[in-house]
Amino acid sequence: AEQAAELKRLVAFQQRCAEEGLPSYQYTLGLRYLAGDGVAKDESQALQWLGLAARQGHAAAKAKLAELAGPNSAAAAPPPTAPENKKRAASAEAARPN
């Protein structure tokens, strides 16, 4: 039970960081949704988070999207982003010091 509570806290922290636009956390959250690790398995959510990370230049997210797209996809472009998450990422980016 204690381990489950710790995982829940960790996922909540990662979710907040991902929502703030931090690409490494967006990538991690994407992997969690792919595997159903600490969250309900959801490929759509996984692709959304991986796409956000990839758009910010996260190399591992780009590689994972290319892998998921398969060898027949010449351009493993990140999937479209939900407006809500796009707005959050833009707000976090604007608030981040240069």
Protein backbone atom coordinates (compact mmCIF):
# COMPACT_ATOMS: atom_id res chain seq x y z
CA ALA A 1 0.00 0.00 0.00
CA GLU A 2 2.85 2.37 0.83
CA GLN A 3 4.50 1.65 -2.52
CA ALA A 4 1.24 2.37 -4.36
CA ALA A 5 0.86 5.68 -2.52
CA GLU A 6 4.45 6.62 -3.41
CA LEU A 7 3.82 5.80 -7.08
CA LYS A 8 0.67 7.91 -7.03
CA ARG A 9 2.60 10.88 -5.59
CA LEU A 10 5.37 10.43 -8.17
CA VAL A 11 2.92 10.32 -11.07
CA ALA A 12 1.11 13.41 -9.76
CA PHE A 13 4.44 15.28 -9.59
CA GLN A 14 5.39 14.17 -13.11
CA GLN A 15 1.96 15.22 -14.38
CA ARG A 16 2.36 18.73 -12.91
CA CYS A 17 5.82 19.10 -14.44
CA ALA A 18 4.57 17.84 -17.81
CA GLU A 19 1.67 20.28 -17.73
CA GLU A 20 4.15 23.09 -17.04
CA GLY A 21 5.78 22.25 -20.37
CA LEU A 22 8.90 20.40 -19.23
CA PRO A 23 9.79 18.01 -22.06
CA SER A 24 11.55 15.35 -20.00
CA TYR A 25 8.42 14.95 -17.86
CA GLN A 26 6.17 15.00 -20.93
CA TYR A 27 8.27 12.14 -22.31
CA THR A 28 8.16 10.20 -19.04
CA LEU A 29 4.41 10.65 -18.77
CA GLY A 30 4.02 9.52 -22.38
CA LEU A 31 5.91 6.32 -21.58
CA ARG A 32 3.74 5.76 -18.50
CA TYR A 33 0.57 6.02 -20.61
CA LEU A 34 2.03 3.65 -23.20
CA ALA A 35 2.79 1.02 -20.58
CA GLY A 36 -0.05 1.71 -18.15
CA ASP A 37 2.56 2.31 -15.45
CA GLY A 38 0.91 4.22 -12.61
CA VAL A 39 -1.84 5.45 -14.95
CA ALA A 40 -4.50 3.80 -17.07
CA LYS A 41 -2.99 2.61 -20.35
CA ASP A 42 -3.97 5.16 -23.01
CA GLU A 43 -2.15 5.30 -26.34
CA SER A 44 -3.84 8.56 -27.32
CA GLN A 45 -2.58 10.30 -24.16
CA ALA A 46 0.84 8.70 -24.66
CA LEU A 47 1.13 10.07 -28.18
CA GLN A 48 -0.05 13.49 -27.04
CA TRP A 49 2.62 13.77 -24.32
CA LEU A 50 5.36 12.31 -26.51
CA GLY A 51 4.38 14.75 -29.26
CA LEU A 52 4.65 17.73 -26.92
CA ALA A 53 8.10 16.61 -25.79
CA ALA A 54 9.22 15.96 -29.37
CA ARG A 55 8.11 19.43 -30.49
CA GLN A 56 10.46 20.86 -27.87
CA GLY A 57 13.36 18.87 -29.28
CA HIS A 58 13.39 15.93 -26.87
CA ALA A 59 15.42 13.36 -28.83
CA ALA A 60 14.12 10.25 -27.02
CA ALA A 61 10.51 11.37 -27.57
CA LYS A 62 11.21 11.85 -31.29
CA ALA A 63 12.79 8.39 -31.44
CA LYS A 64 9.86 6.79 -29.60
CA LEU A 65 7.35 8.42 -31.94
CA ALA A 66 9.34 7.18 -34.94
CA GLU A 67 9.42 3.69 -33.42
CA LEU A 68 5.67 3.75 -32.79
CA ALA A 69 5.01 5.01 -36.32
CA GLY A 70 6.78 1.95 -37.66
CA PRO A 71 9.26 1.43 -40.45
CA ASN A 72 6.74 2.25 -43.19
CA SER A 73 6.26 5.83 -41.99
CA ALA A 74 8.72 8.16 -43.70
CA ALA A 75 7.78 11.13 -41.54
CA ALA A 76 7.07 10.10 -37.97
CA ALA A 77 5.45 13.42 -37.20
CA PRO A 78 4.13 14.01 -33.70
CA PRO A 79 0.35 13.73 -33.49
CA PRO A 80 -1.85 16.82 -33.24
CA THR A 81 -2.01 18.30 -29.79
CA ALA A 82 -5.15 18.86 -27.80
CA PRO A 83 -5.75 22.62 -27.57
CA GLU A 84 -5.81 22.48 -23.77
CA ASN A 85 -2.32 20.97 -23.48
CA LYS A 86 -0.97 23.21 -26.24
CA LYS A 87 -2.20 26.24 -24.31
CA ARG A 88 -0.62 24.95 -21.09
CA ALA A 89 2.72 24.31 -22.78
CA ALA A 90 2.68 27.78 -24.36
CA SER A 91 1.84 29.41 -21.02
CA ALA A 92 4.62 27.52 -19.27
CA GLU A 93 7.08 28.44 -22.00
CA ALA A 94 6.12 32.13 -21.78
CA ALA A 95 6.53 32.08 -18.00
CA ARG A 96 9.93 30.34 -18.13
CA PRO A 97 12.90 32.71 -17.70
CA ASN A 98 15.23 32.96 -20.69
